[in-house]
Amino acid sequence: MADDSPHDKPAVARIPLAVARADLAALIDRLAMGDERFIIEKGGEAVAVLIGIDEFEDYLELNDPEVNKAIAESREEYLAGKSRPAEELLRELREDEERERRSEESVR
């Protein structure tokens, strides 16, 4: 039985270039649904990959040295016990927002 968790990776289909060329609109529609990736083959060899824009943007971001540095720093802080539950952070942000709203109202 397949695990339908949101962390599952999309399926990868190998598609000959001629098929990809002829069915590009359909492949893009399938990408938009978010559950597939395509390896484009020419002469039986993989030459390109067709992925959704969100995944491509994630790829670019994760290859950014600054993003990798921030991820590494966050991991070090977490391992050092410098993290806190998300609920606590969200509560603090809501409280800050409420104080700011009251402050703006008192100025009016």
PDB file of N, CA and C in Angstrom:
ATOM      1  N   MET A   1       0.843  -1.179   0.000  1.00  0.00           N
ATOM      2  CA  MET A   1       0.000   0.000   0.000  1.00  0.00           C
ATOM      3  C   MET A   1       0.882   1.233   0.000  1.00  0.00           C
ATOM      4  N   ALA A   2       0.616   2.187  -0.859  1.00  0.00           N
ATOM      5  CA  ALA A   2       1.444   3.382  -0.993  1.00  0.00           C
ATOM      6  C   ALA A   2       1.171   4.354   0.127  1.00  0.00           C
ATOM      7  N   ASP A   3       2.213   5.029   0.560  1.00  0.00           N
ATOM      8  CA  ASP A   3       2.096   6.077   1.568  1.00  0.00           C
ATOM      9  C   ASP A   3       1.759   7.379   0.861  1.00  0.00           C
ATOM     10  N   ASP A   4       0.647   7.995   1.200  1.00  0.00           N
ATOM     11  CA  ASP A   4       0.216   9.226   0.547  1.00  0.00           C
ATOM     12  C   ASP A   4       0.635  10.476   1.318  1.00  0.00           C
ATOM     13  N   SER A   5       1.748  10.408   2.042  1.00  0.00           N
ATOM     14  CA  SER A   5       2.179  11.568   2.820  1.00  0.00           C
ATOM     15  C   SER A   5       2.587  12.697   1.889  1.00  0.00           C
ATOM     16  N   PRO A   6       2.441  13.969   2.355  1.00  0.00           N
ATOM     17  CA  PRO A   6       2.784  15.104   1.498  1.00  0.00           C
ATOM     18  C   PRO A   6       4.272  15.192   1.202  1.00  0.00           C
ATOM     19  N   HIS A   7       5.070  14.376   1.886  1.00  0.00           N
ATOM     20  CA  HIS A   7       6.518  14.427   1.667  1.00  0.00           C
ATOM     21  C   HIS A   7       6.975  13.467   0.579  1.00  0.00           C
ATOM     22  N   ASP A   8       6.035  12.712   0.003  1.00  0.00           N
ATOM     23  CA  ASP A   8       6.385  11.823  -1.098  1.00  0.00           C
ATOM     24  C   ASP A   8       6.860  12.656  -2.274  1.00  0.00           C
ATOM     25  N   LYS A   9       7.857  12.142  -2.961  1.00  0.00           N
ATOM     26  CA  LYS A   9       8.349  12.839  -4.141  1.00  0.00           C
ATOM     27  C   LYS A   9       7.466  12.500  -5.333  1.00  0.00           C
ATOM     28  N   PRO A  10       7.354  13.439  -6.262  1.00  0.00           N
ATOM     29  CA  PRO A  10       6.563  13.162  -7.463  1.00  0.00           C
ATOM     30  C   PRO A  10       7.160  12.007  -8.257  1.00  0.00           C
ATOM     31  N   ALA A  11       6.318  11.366  -9.035  1.00  0.00           N
ATOM     32  CA  ALA A  11       6.765  10.294  -9.919  1.00  0.00           C
ATOM     33  C   ALA A  11       7.656  10.884 -11.011  1.00  0.00           C
ATOM     34  N   VAL A  12       8.587  10.085 -11.488  1.00  0.00           N
ATOM     35  CA  VAL A  12       9.473  10.501 -12.576  1.00  0.00           C
ATOM     36  C   VAL A  12       9.212   9.587 -13.768  1.00  0.00           C
ATOM     37  N   ALA A  13       8.853  10.202 -14.881  1.00  0.00           N
ATOM     38  CA  ALA A  13       8.601   9.444 -16.106  1.00  0.00           C
ATOM     39  C   ALA A  13       9.687   9.772 -17.121  1.00  0.00           C
ATOM     40  N   ARG A  14      10.145   8.759 -17.825  1.00  0.00           N
ATOM     41  CA  ARG A  14      11.128   8.959 -18.897  1.00  0.00           C
ATOM     42  C   ARG A  14      10.350   9.087 -20.203  1.00  0.00           C
ATOM     43  N   ILE A  15      10.613  10.182 -20.924  1.00  0.00           N
ATOM     44  CA  ILE A  15       9.853  10.490 -22.135  1.00  0.00           C
ATOM     45  C   ILE A  15      10.823  10.743 -23.291  1.00  0.00           C
ATOM     46  N   PRO A  16      10.618  10.080 -24.429  1.00  0.00           N
ATOM     47  CA  PRO A  16      11.447  10.389 -25.603  1.00  0.00           C
ATOM     48  C   PRO A  16      11.192  11.835 -26.044  1.00  0.00           C
ATOM     49  N   LEU A  17      12.206  12.483 -26.552  1.00  0.00           N
ATOM     50  CA  LEU A  17      12.105  13.870 -26.986  1.00  0.00           C
ATOM     51  C   LEU A  17      10.958  14.078 -27.970  1.00  0.00           C
ATOM     52  N   ALA A  18      10.784  13.177 -28.915  1.00  0.00           N
ATOM     53  CA  ALA A  18       9.707  13.328 -29.904  1.00  0.00           C
ATOM     54  C   ALA A  18       8.340  13.349 -29.226  1.00  0.00           C
ATOM     55  N   VAL A  19       8.147  12.517 -28.219  1.00  0.00           N
ATOM     56  CA  VAL A  19       6.873  12.481 -27.480  1.00  0.00           C
ATOM     57  C   VAL A  19       6.715  13.773 -26.681  1.00  0.00           C
ATOM     58  N   ALA A  20       7.785  14.215 -26.038  1.00  0.00           N
ATOM     59  CA  ALA A  20       7.727  15.447 -25.255  1.00  0.00           C
ATOM     60  C   ALA A  20       7.379  16.630 -26.153  1.00  0.00           C
ATOM     61  N   ARG A  21       7.988  16.683 -27.308  1.00  0.00           N
ATOM     62  CA  ARG A  21       7.725  17.770 -28.261  1.00  0.00           C
ATOM     63  C   ARG A  21       6.256  17.748 -28.695  1.00  0.00           C
ATOM     64  N   ALA A  22       5.749  16.583 -29.019  1.00  0.00           N
ATOM     65  CA  ALA A  22       4.375  16.455 -29.511  1.00  0.00           C
ATOM     66  C   ALA A  22       3.343  16.690 -28.410  1.00  0.00           C
ATOM     67  N   ASP A  23       3.688  16.338 -27.171  1.00  0.00           N
ATOM     68  CA  ASP A  23       2.719  16.404 -26.072  1.00  0.00           C
ATOM     69  C   ASP A  23       3.098  17.430 -25.006  1.00  0.00           C
ATOM     70  N   LEU A  24       3.847  18.455 -25.382  1.00  0.00           N
ATOM     71  CA  LEU A  24       4.340  19.412 -24.385  1.00  0.00           C
ATOM     72  C   LEU A  24       3.215  20.027 -23.557  1.00  0.00           C
ATOM     73  N   ALA A  25       2.126  20.439 -24.192  1.00  0.00           N
ATOM     74  CA  ALA A  25       1.020  21.054 -23.444  1.00  0.00           C
ATOM     75  C   ALA A  25       0.456  20.089 -22.404  1.00  0.00           C
ATOM     76  N   ALA A  26       0.308  18.832 -22.773  1.00  0.00           N
ATOM     77  CA  ALA A  26      -0.215  17.838 -21.835  1.00  0.00           C
ATOM     78  C   ALA A  26       0.771  17.593 -20.691  1.00  0.00           C
ATOM     79  N   LEU A  27       2.061  17.558 -20.999  1.00  0.00           N
ATOM     80  CA  LEU A  27       3.073  17.373 -19.952  1.00  0.00           C
ATOM     81  C   LEU A  27       3.048  18.542 -18.973  1.00  0.00           C
ATOM     82  N   ILE A  28       2.893  19.746 -19.493  1.00  0.00           N
ATOM     83  CA  ILE A  28       2.841  20.927 -18.628  1.00  0.00           C
ATOM     84  C   ILE A  28       1.599  20.873 -17.740  1.00  0.00           C
ATOM     85  N   ASP A  29       0.484  20.428 -18.292  1.00  0.00           N
ATOM     86  CA  ASP A  29      -0.719  20.271 -17.476  1.00  0.00           C
ATOM     87  C   ASP A  29      -0.475  19.271 -16.349  1.00  0.00           C
ATOM     88  N   ARG A  30       0.209  18.193 -16.656  1.00  0.00           N
ATOM     89  CA  ARG A  30       0.519  17.182 -15.634  1.00  0.00           C
ATOM     90  C   ARG A  30       1.463  17.750 -14.582  1.00  0.00           C
ATOM     91  N   LEU A  31       2.420  18.572 -15.003  1.00  0.00           N
ATOM     92  CA  LEU A  31       3.318  19.231 -14.051  1.00  0.00           C
ATOM     93  C   LEU A  31       2.541  20.141 -13.114  1.00  0.00           C
ATOM     94  N   ALA A  32       1.583  20.865 -13.665  1.00  0.00           N
ATOM     95  CA  ALA A  32       0.797  21.806 -12.873  1.00  0.00           C
ATOM     96  C   ALA A  32       0.031  21.093 -11.760  1.00  0.00           C
ATOM     97  N   MET A  33      -0.289  19.829 -11.981  1.00  0.00           N
ATOM     98  CA  MET A  33      -0.977  19.064 -10.943  1.00  0.00           C
ATOM     99  C   MET A  33      -0.007  18.698  -9.827  1.00  0.00           C
ATOM    100  N   GLY A  34       1.294  18.834 -10.085  1.00  0.00           N
ATOM    101  CA  GLY A  34       2.303  18.681  -9.045  1.00  0.00           C
ATOM    102  C   GLY A  34       2.712  17.281  -8.677  1.00  0.00           C
ATOM    103  N   ASP A  35       2.318  16.301  -9.433  1.00  0.00           N
ATOM    104  CA  ASP A  35       2.660  14.947  -9.004  1.00  0.00           C
ATOM    105  C   ASP A  35       3.571  14.186  -9.961  1.00  0.00           C
ATOM    106  N   GLU A  36       4.191  14.913 -10.898  1.00  0.00           N
ATOM    107  CA  GLU A  36       5.092  14.233 -11.831  1.00  0.00           C
ATOM    108  C   GLU A  36       6.276  15.115 -12.206  1.00  0.00           C
ATOM    109  N   ARG A  37       7.331  14.450 -12.635  1.00  0.00           N
ATOM    110  CA  ARG A  37       8.519  15.072 -13.241  1.00  0.00           C
ATOM    111  C   ARG A  37       8.806  14.243 -14.486  1.00  0.00           C
ATOM    112  N   PHE A  38       9.542  14.837 -15.421  1.00  0.00           N
ATOM    113  CA  PHE A  38       9.838  14.115 -16.656  1.00  0.00           C
ATOM    114  C   PHE A  38      11.313  14.220 -16.994  1.00  0.00           C
ATOM    115  N   ILE A  39      11.887  13.087 -17.317  1.00  0.00           N
ATOM    116  CA  ILE A  39      13.240  13.043 -17.862  1.00  0.00           C
ATOM    117  C   ILE A  39      13.064  12.911 -19.363  1.00  0.00           C
ATOM    118  N   ILE A  40      13.628  13.852 -20.099  1.00  0.00           N
ATOM    119  CA  ILE A  40      13.517  13.845 -21.551  1.00  0.00           C
ATOM    120  C   ILE A  40      14.742  13.107 -22.107  1.00  0.00           C
ATOM    121  N   GLU A  41      14.480  12.138 -22.966  1.00  0.00           N
ATOM    122  CA  GLU A  41      15.556  11.333 -23.549  1.00  0.00           C
ATOM    123  C   GLU A  41      15.688  11.599 -25.040  1.00  0.00           C
ATOM    124  N   LYS A  42      16.912  11.600 -25.498  1.00  0.00           N
ATOM    125  CA  LYS A  42      17.207  11.724 -26.930  1.00  0.00           C
ATOM    126  C   LYS A  42      18.129  10.561 -27.280  1.00  0.00           C
ATOM    127  N   GLY A  43      17.662   9.724 -28.190  1.00  0.00           N
ATOM    128  CA  GLY A  43      18.459   8.545 -28.545  1.00  0.00           C
ATOM    129  C   GLY A  43      18.658   7.611 -27.366  1.00  0.00           C
ATOM    130  N   GLY A  44      17.685   7.577 -26.450  1.00  0.00           N
ATOM    131  CA  GLY A  44      17.773   6.686 -25.290  1.00  0.00           C
ATOM    132  C   GLY A  44      18.591   7.242 -24.136  1.00  0.00           C
ATOM    133  N   GLU A  45      19.190   8.419 -24.309  1.00  0.00           N
ATOM    134  CA  GLU A  45      20.005   9.041 -23.256  1.00  0.00           C
ATOM    135  C   GLU A  45      19.251  10.198 -22.619  1.00  0.00           C
ATOM    136  N   ALA A  46      19.327  10.319 -21.307  1.00  0.00           N
ATOM    137  CA  ALA A  46      18.698  11.437 -20.604  1.00  0.00           C
ATOM    138  C   ALA A  46      19.439  12.720 -20.956  1.00  0.00           C
ATOM    139  N   VAL A  47      18.694  13.740 -21.416  1.00  0.00           N
ATOM    140  CA  VAL A  47      19.328  15.003 -21.814  1.00  0.00           C
ATOM    141  C   VAL A  47      18.744  16.219 -21.104  1.00  0.00           C
ATOM    142  N   ALA A  48      17.556  16.087 -20.526  1.00  0.00           N
ATOM    143  CA  ALA A  48      16.928  17.230 -19.864  1.00  0.00           C
ATOM    144  C   ALA A  48      15.888  16.729 -18.871  1.00  0.00           C
ATOM    145  N   VAL A  49      15.484  17.651 -18.006  1.00  0.00           N
ATOM    146  CA  VAL A  49      14.448  17.345 -17.030  1.00  0.00           C
ATOM    147  C   VAL A  49      13.383  18.426 -17.110  1.00  0.00           C
ATOM    148  N   LEU A  50      12.143  18.022 -17.052  1.00  0.00           N
ATOM    149  CA  LEU A  50      11.021  18.949 -17.050  1.00  0.00           C
ATOM    150  C   LEU A  50      10.386  18.843 -15.659  1.00  0.00           C
ATOM    151  N   ILE A  51      10.462  19.951 -14.905  1.00  0.00           N
ATOM    152  CA  ILE A  51       9.892  19.992 -13.548  1.00  0.00           C
ATOM    153  C   ILE A  51       9.032  21.240 -13.419  1.00  0.00           C
ATOM    154  N   GLY A  52       8.193  21.257 -12.392  1.00  0.00           N
ATOM    155  CA  GLY A  52       7.343  22.409 -12.139  1.00  0.00           C
ATOM    156  C   GLY A  52       8.158  23.601 -11.662  1.00  0.00           C
ATOM    157  N   ILE A  53       7.601  24.782 -11.842  1.00  0.00           N
ATOM    158  CA  ILE A  53       8.306  26.007 -11.488  1.00  0.00           C
ATOM    159  C   ILE A  53       8.594  26.093  -9.994  1.00  0.00           C
ATOM    160  N   ASP A  54       7.686  25.645  -9.149  1.00  0.00           N
ATOM    161  CA  ASP A  54       7.935  25.696  -7.705  1.00  0.00           C
ATOM    162  C   ASP A  54       9.149  24.860  -7.328  1.00  0.00           C
ATOM    163  N   GLU A  55       9.230  23.685  -7.913  1.00  0.00           N
ATOM    164  CA  GLU A  55      10.370  22.819  -7.625  1.00  0.00           C
ATOM    165  C   GLU A  55      11.663  23.430  -8.166  1.00  0.00           C
ATOM    166  N   PHE A  56      11.600  24.045  -9.330  1.00  0.00           N
ATOM    167  CA  PHE A  56      12.776  24.696  -9.900  1.00  0.00           C
ATOM    168  C   PHE A  56      13.234  25.857  -9.019  1.00  0.00           C
ATOM    169  N   GLU A  57      12.282  26.661  -8.538  1.00  0.00           N
ATOM    170  CA  GLU A  57      12.647  27.770  -7.651  1.00  0.00           C
ATOM    171  C   GLU A  57      13.267  27.253  -6.365  1.00  0.00           C
ATOM    172  N   ASP A  58      12.726  26.153  -5.819  1.00  0.00           N
ATOM    173  CA  ASP A  58      13.331  25.538  -4.629  1.00  0.00           C
ATOM    174  C   ASP A  58      14.760  25.098  -4.924  1.00  0.00           C
ATOM    175  N   TYR A  59      14.953  24.486  -6.080  1.00  0.00           N
ATOM    176  CA  TYR A  59      16.284  24.035  -6.487  1.00  0.00           C
ATOM    177  C   TYR A  59      17.258  25.213  -6.545  1.00  0.00           C
ATOM    178  N   LEU A  60      16.838  26.299  -7.187  1.00  0.00           N
ATOM    179  CA  LEU A  60      17.710  27.472  -7.286  1.00  0.00           C
ATOM    180  C   LEU A  60      18.027  28.044  -5.911  1.00  0.00           C
ATOM    181  N   GLU A  61      17.004  28.122  -5.073  1.00  0.00           N
ATOM    182  CA  GLU A  61      17.197  28.671  -3.738  1.00  0.00           C
ATOM    183  C   GLU A  61      18.175  27.828  -2.926  1.00  0.00           C
ATOM    184  N   LEU A  62      18.024  26.513  -3.007  1.00  0.00           N
ATOM    185  CA  LEU A  62      18.897  25.632  -2.230  1.00  0.00           C
ATOM    186  C   LEU A  62      20.326  25.589  -2.758  1.00  0.00           C
ATOM    187  N   ASN A  63      20.530  26.088  -3.953  1.00  0.00           N
ATOM    188  CA  ASN A  63      21.881  26.172  -4.489  1.00  0.00           C
ATOM    189  C   ASN A  63      22.500  27.547  -4.270  1.00  0.00           C
ATOM    190  N   ASP A  64      21.775  28.418  -3.575  1.00  0.00           N
ATOM    191  CA  ASP A  64      22.269  29.751  -3.230  1.00  0.00           C
ATOM    192  C   ASP A  64      23.138  29.618  -1.973  1.00  0.00           C
ATOM    193  N   PRO A  65      24.407  30.034  -2.023  1.00  0.00           N
ATOM    194  CA  PRO A  65      25.289  29.900  -0.862  1.00  0.00           C
ATOM    195  C   PRO A  65      24.736  30.574   0.399  1.00  0.00           C
ATOM    196  N   GLU A  66      24.057  31.705   0.245  1.00  0.00           N
ATOM    197  CA  GLU A  66      23.493  32.396   1.410  1.00  0.00           C
ATOM    198  C   GLU A  66      22.382  31.567   2.054  1.00  0.00           C
ATOM    199  N   VAL A  67      21.567  30.931   1.236  1.00  0.00           N
ATOM    200  CA  VAL A  67      20.497  30.084   1.769  1.00  0.00           C
ATOM    201  C   VAL A  67      21.104  28.890   2.488  1.00  0.00           C
ATOM    202  N   ASN A  68      22.114  28.278   1.888  1.00  0.00           N
ATOM    203  CA  ASN A  68      22.777  27.140   2.530  1.00  0.00           C
ATOM    204  C   ASN A  68      23.422  27.547   3.851  1.00  0.00           C
ATOM    205  N   LYS A  69      23.993  28.733   3.900  1.00  0.00           N
ATOM    206  CA  LYS A  69      24.594  29.232   5.132  1.00  0.00           C
ATOM    207  C   LYS A  69      23.522  29.410   6.206  1.00  0.00           C
ATOM    208  N   ALA A  70      22.374  29.988   5.841  1.00  0.00           N
ATOM    209  CA  ALA A  70      21.284  30.192   6.798  1.00  0.00           C
ATOM    210  C   ALA A  70      20.745  28.854   7.301  1.00  0.00           C
ATOM    211  N   ILE A  71      20.632  27.877   6.411  1.00  0.00           N
ATOM    212  CA  ILE A  71      20.162  26.552   6.816  1.00  0.00           C
ATOM    213  C   ILE A  71      21.145  25.921   7.800  1.00  0.00           C
ATOM    214  N   ALA A  72      22.430  26.013   7.511  1.00  0.00           N
ATOM    215  CA  ALA A  72      23.453  25.445   8.395  1.00  0.00           C
ATOM    216  C   ALA A  72      23.429  26.117   9.762  1.00  0.00           C
ATOM    217  N   GLU A  73      23.289  27.446   9.775  1.00  0.00           N
ATOM    218  CA  GLU A  73      23.237  28.176  11.050  1.00  0.00           C
ATOM    219  C   GLU A  73      22.001  27.780  11.849  1.00  0.00           C
ATOM    220  N   SER A  74      20.877  27.641  11.171  1.00  0.00           N
ATOM    221  CA  SER A  74      19.638  27.238  11.849  1.00  0.00           C
ATOM    222  C   SER A  74      19.773  25.842  12.438  1.00  0.00           C
ATOM    223  N   ARG A  75      20.406  24.963  11.688  1.00  0.00           N
ATOM    224  CA  ARG A  75      20.598  23.595  12.184  1.00  0.00           C
ATOM    225  C   ARG A  75      21.484  23.596  13.418  1.00  0.00           C
ATOM    226  N   GLU A  76      22.549  24.383  13.401  1.00  0.00           N
ATOM    227  CA  GLU A  76      23.443  24.466  14.559  1.00  0.00           C
ATOM    228  C   GLU A  76      22.692  25.003  15.780  1.00  0.00           C
ATOM    229  N   GLU A  77      21.873  26.031  15.584  1.00  0.00           N
ATOM    230  CA  GLU A  77      21.093  26.591  16.691  1.00  0.00           C
ATOM    231  C   GLU A  77      20.118  25.546  17.237  1.00  0.00           C
ATOM    232  N   TYR A  78      19.474  24.820  16.339  1.00  0.00           N
ATOM    233  CA  TYR A  78      18.538  23.786  16.773  1.00  0.00           C
ATOM    234  C   TYR A  78      19.263  22.719  17.589  1.00  0.00           C
ATOM    235  N   LEU A  79      20.393  22.234  17.084  1.00  0.00           N
ATOM    236  CA  LEU A  79      21.149  21.194  17.789  1.00  0.00           C
ATOM    237  C   LEU A  79      21.694  21.693  19.120  1.00  0.00           C
ATOM    238  N   ALA A  80      21.920  22.987  19.235  1.00  0.00           N
ATOM    239  CA  ALA A  80      22.415  23.577  20.476  1.00  0.00           C
ATOM    240  C   ALA A  80      21.273  23.865  21.456  1.00  0.00           C
ATOM    241  N   GLY A  81      20.048  23.515  21.071  1.00  0.00           N
ATOM    242  CA  GLY A  81      18.910  23.720  21.961  1.00  0.00           C
ATOM    243  C   GLY A  81      18.373  25.140  21.965  1.00  0.00           C
ATOM    244  N   LYS A  82      18.691  25.897  20.933  1.00  0.00           N
ATOM    245  CA  LYS A  82      18.254  27.289  20.873  1.00  0.00           C
ATOM    246  C   LYS A  82      16.944  27.454  20.101  1.00  0.00           C
ATOM    247  N   SER A  83      16.174  26.400  20.013  1.00  0.00           N
ATOM    248  CA  SER A  83      14.906  26.474  19.289  1.00  0.00           C
ATOM    249  C   SER A  83      13.763  26.545  20.293  1.00  0.00           C
ATOM    250  N   ARG A  84      12.573  26.822  19.788  1.00  0.00           N
ATOM    251  CA  ARG A  84      11.386  26.832  20.634  1.00  0.00           C
ATOM    252  C   ARG A  84      10.201  26.354  19.811  1.00  0.00           C
ATOM    253  N   PRO A  85       9.163  25.934  20.487  1.00  0.00           N
ATOM    254  CA  PRO A  85       7.999  25.421  19.747  1.00  0.00           C
ATOM    255  C   PRO A  85       7.372  26.498  18.867  1.00  0.00           C
ATOM    256  N   ALA A  86       6.880  26.087  17.725  1.00  0.00           N
ATOM    257  CA  ALA A  86       6.248  27.018  16.784  1.00  0.00           C
ATOM    258  C   ALA A  86       5.063  27.720  17.429  1.00  0.00           C
ATOM    259  N   GLU A  87       4.317  27.009  18.270  1.00  0.00           N
ATOM    260  CA  GLU A  87       3.151  27.614  18.927  1.00  0.00           C
ATOM    261  C   GLU A  87       3.561  28.832  19.748  1.00  0.00           C
ATOM    262  N   GLU A  88       4.701  28.730  20.410  1.00  0.00           N
ATOM    263  CA  GLU A  88       5.201  29.845  21.226  1.00  0.00           C
ATOM    264  C   GLU A  88       5.537  31.047  20.350  1.00  0.00           C
ATOM    265  N   LEU A  89       6.223  30.804  19.257  1.00  0.00           N
ATOM    266  CA  LEU A  89       6.570  31.882  18.336  1.00  0.00           C
ATOM    267  C   LEU A  89       5.312  32.523  17.749  1.00  0.00           C
ATOM    268  N   LEU A  90       4.359  31.702  17.322  1.00  0.00           N
ATOM    269  CA  LEU A  90       3.121  32.235  16.753  1.00  0.00           C
ATOM    270  C   LEU A  90       2.347  33.062  17.776  1.00  0.00           C
ATOM    271  N   ARG A  91       2.288  32.601  19.010  1.00  0.00           N
ATOM    272  CA  ARG A  91       1.608  33.349  20.070  1.00  0.00           C
ATOM    273  C   ARG A  91       2.282  34.710  20.261  1.00  0.00           C
ATOM    274  N   GLU A  92       3.618  34.712  20.297  1.00  0.00           N
ATOM    275  CA  GLU A  92       4.367  35.960  20.456  1.00  0.00           C
ATOM    276  C   GLU A  92       4.108  36.914  19.286  1.00  0.00           C
ATOM    277  N   LEU A  93       4.074  36.386  18.078  1.00  0.00           N
ATOM    278  CA  LEU A  93       3.807  37.229  16.903  1.00  0.00           C
ATOM    279  C   LEU A  93       2.397  37.813  16.955  1.00  0.00           C
ATOM    280  N   ARG A  94       1.419  37.000  17.385  1.00  0.00           N
ATOM    281  CA  ARG A  94       0.047  37.515  17.513  1.00  0.00           C
ATOM    282  C   ARG A  94      -0.031  38.606  18.571  1.00  0.00           C
ATOM    283  N   GLU A  95       0.673  38.406  19.677  1.00  0.00           N
ATOM    284  CA  GLU A  95       0.679  39.414  20.745  1.00  0.00           C
ATOM    285  C   GLU A  95       1.318  40.709  20.256  1.00  0.00           C
ATOM    286  N   ASP A  96       2.412  40.594  19.533  1.00  0.00           N
ATOM    287  CA  ASP A  96       3.062  41.781  18.975  1.00  0.00           C
ATOM    288  C   ASP A  96       2.129  42.508  18.012  1.00  0.00           C
ATOM    289  N   GLU A  97       1.449  41.755  17.197  1.00  0.00           N
ATOM    290  CA  GLU A  97       0.522  42.334  16.223  1.00  0.00           C
ATOM    291  C   GLU A  97      -0.621  43.056  16.939  1.00  0.00           C
ATOM    292  N   GLU A  98      -1.125  42.449  17.996  1.00  0.00           N
ATOM    293  CA  GLU A  98      -2.214  43.060  18.760  1.00  0.00           C
ATOM    294  C   GLU A  98      -1.743  44.350  19.440  1.00  0.00           C
ATOM    295  N   ARG A  99      -0.545  44.345  20.024  1.00  0.00           N
ATOM    296  CA  ARG A  99       0.004  45.562  20.648  1.00  0.00           C
ATOM    297  C   ARG A  99       0.167  46.671  19.615  1.00  0.00           C
ATOM    298  N   GLU A 100       0.665  46.304  18.432  1.00  0.00           N
ATOM    299  CA  GLU A 100       0.849  47.282  17.358  1.00  0.00           C
ATOM    300  C   GLU A 100      -0.495  47.857  16.914  1.00  0.00           C
ATOM    301  N   ARG A 101      -1.501  47.007  16.800  1.00  0.00           N
ATOM    302  CA  ARG A 101      -2.829  47.464  16.395  1.00  0.00           C
ATOM    303  C   ARG A 101      -3.403  48.430  17.432  1.00  0.00           C
ATOM    304  N   ARG A 102      -3.259  48.094  18.730  1.00  0.00           N
ATOM    305  CA  ARG A 102      -3.763  48.975  19.783  1.00  0.00           C
ATOM    306  C   ARG A 102      -3.020  50.297  19.799  1.00  0.00           C
ATOM    307  N   SER A 103      -1.718  50.229  19.556  1.00  0.00           N
ATOM    308  CA  SER A 103      -0.912  51.463  19.509  1.00  0.00           C
ATOM    309  C   SER A 103      -1.362  52.363  18.385  1.00  0.00           C
ATOM    310  N   GLU A 104      -1.624  51.795  17.221  1.00  0.00           N
ATOM    311  CA  GLU A 104      -2.097  52.578  16.067  1.00  0.00           C
ATOM    312  C   GLU A 104      -3.466  53.178  16.357  1.00  0.00           C
ATOM    313  N   GLU A 105      -4.322  52.438  17.042  1.00  0.00           N
ATOM    314  CA  GLU A 105      -5.663  52.945  17.374  1.00  0.00           C
ATOM    315  C   GLU A 105      -5.592  54.101  18.356  1.00  0.00           C
ATOM    316  N   SER A 106      -4.655  54.031  19.286  1.00  0.00           N
ATOM    317  CA  SER A 106      -4.547  55.101  20.292  1.00  0.00           C
ATOM    318  C   SER A 106      -3.993  56.385  19.686  1.00  0.00           C
ATOM    319  N   VAL A 107      -3.281  56.279  18.593  1.00  0.00           N
ATOM    320  CA  VAL A 107      -2.726  57.460  17.919  1.00  0.00           C
ATOM    321  C   VAL A 107      -3.817  58.176  17.155  1.00  0.00           C
ATOM    322  N   ARG A 108      -4.798  57.462  16.693  1.00  0.00           N
ATOM    323  CA  ARG A 108      -5.886  58.065  15.888  1.00  0.00           C
ATOM    324  C   ARG A 108      -6.769  58.888  16.703  1.00  0.00           C
TER     325      ARG A 108
END
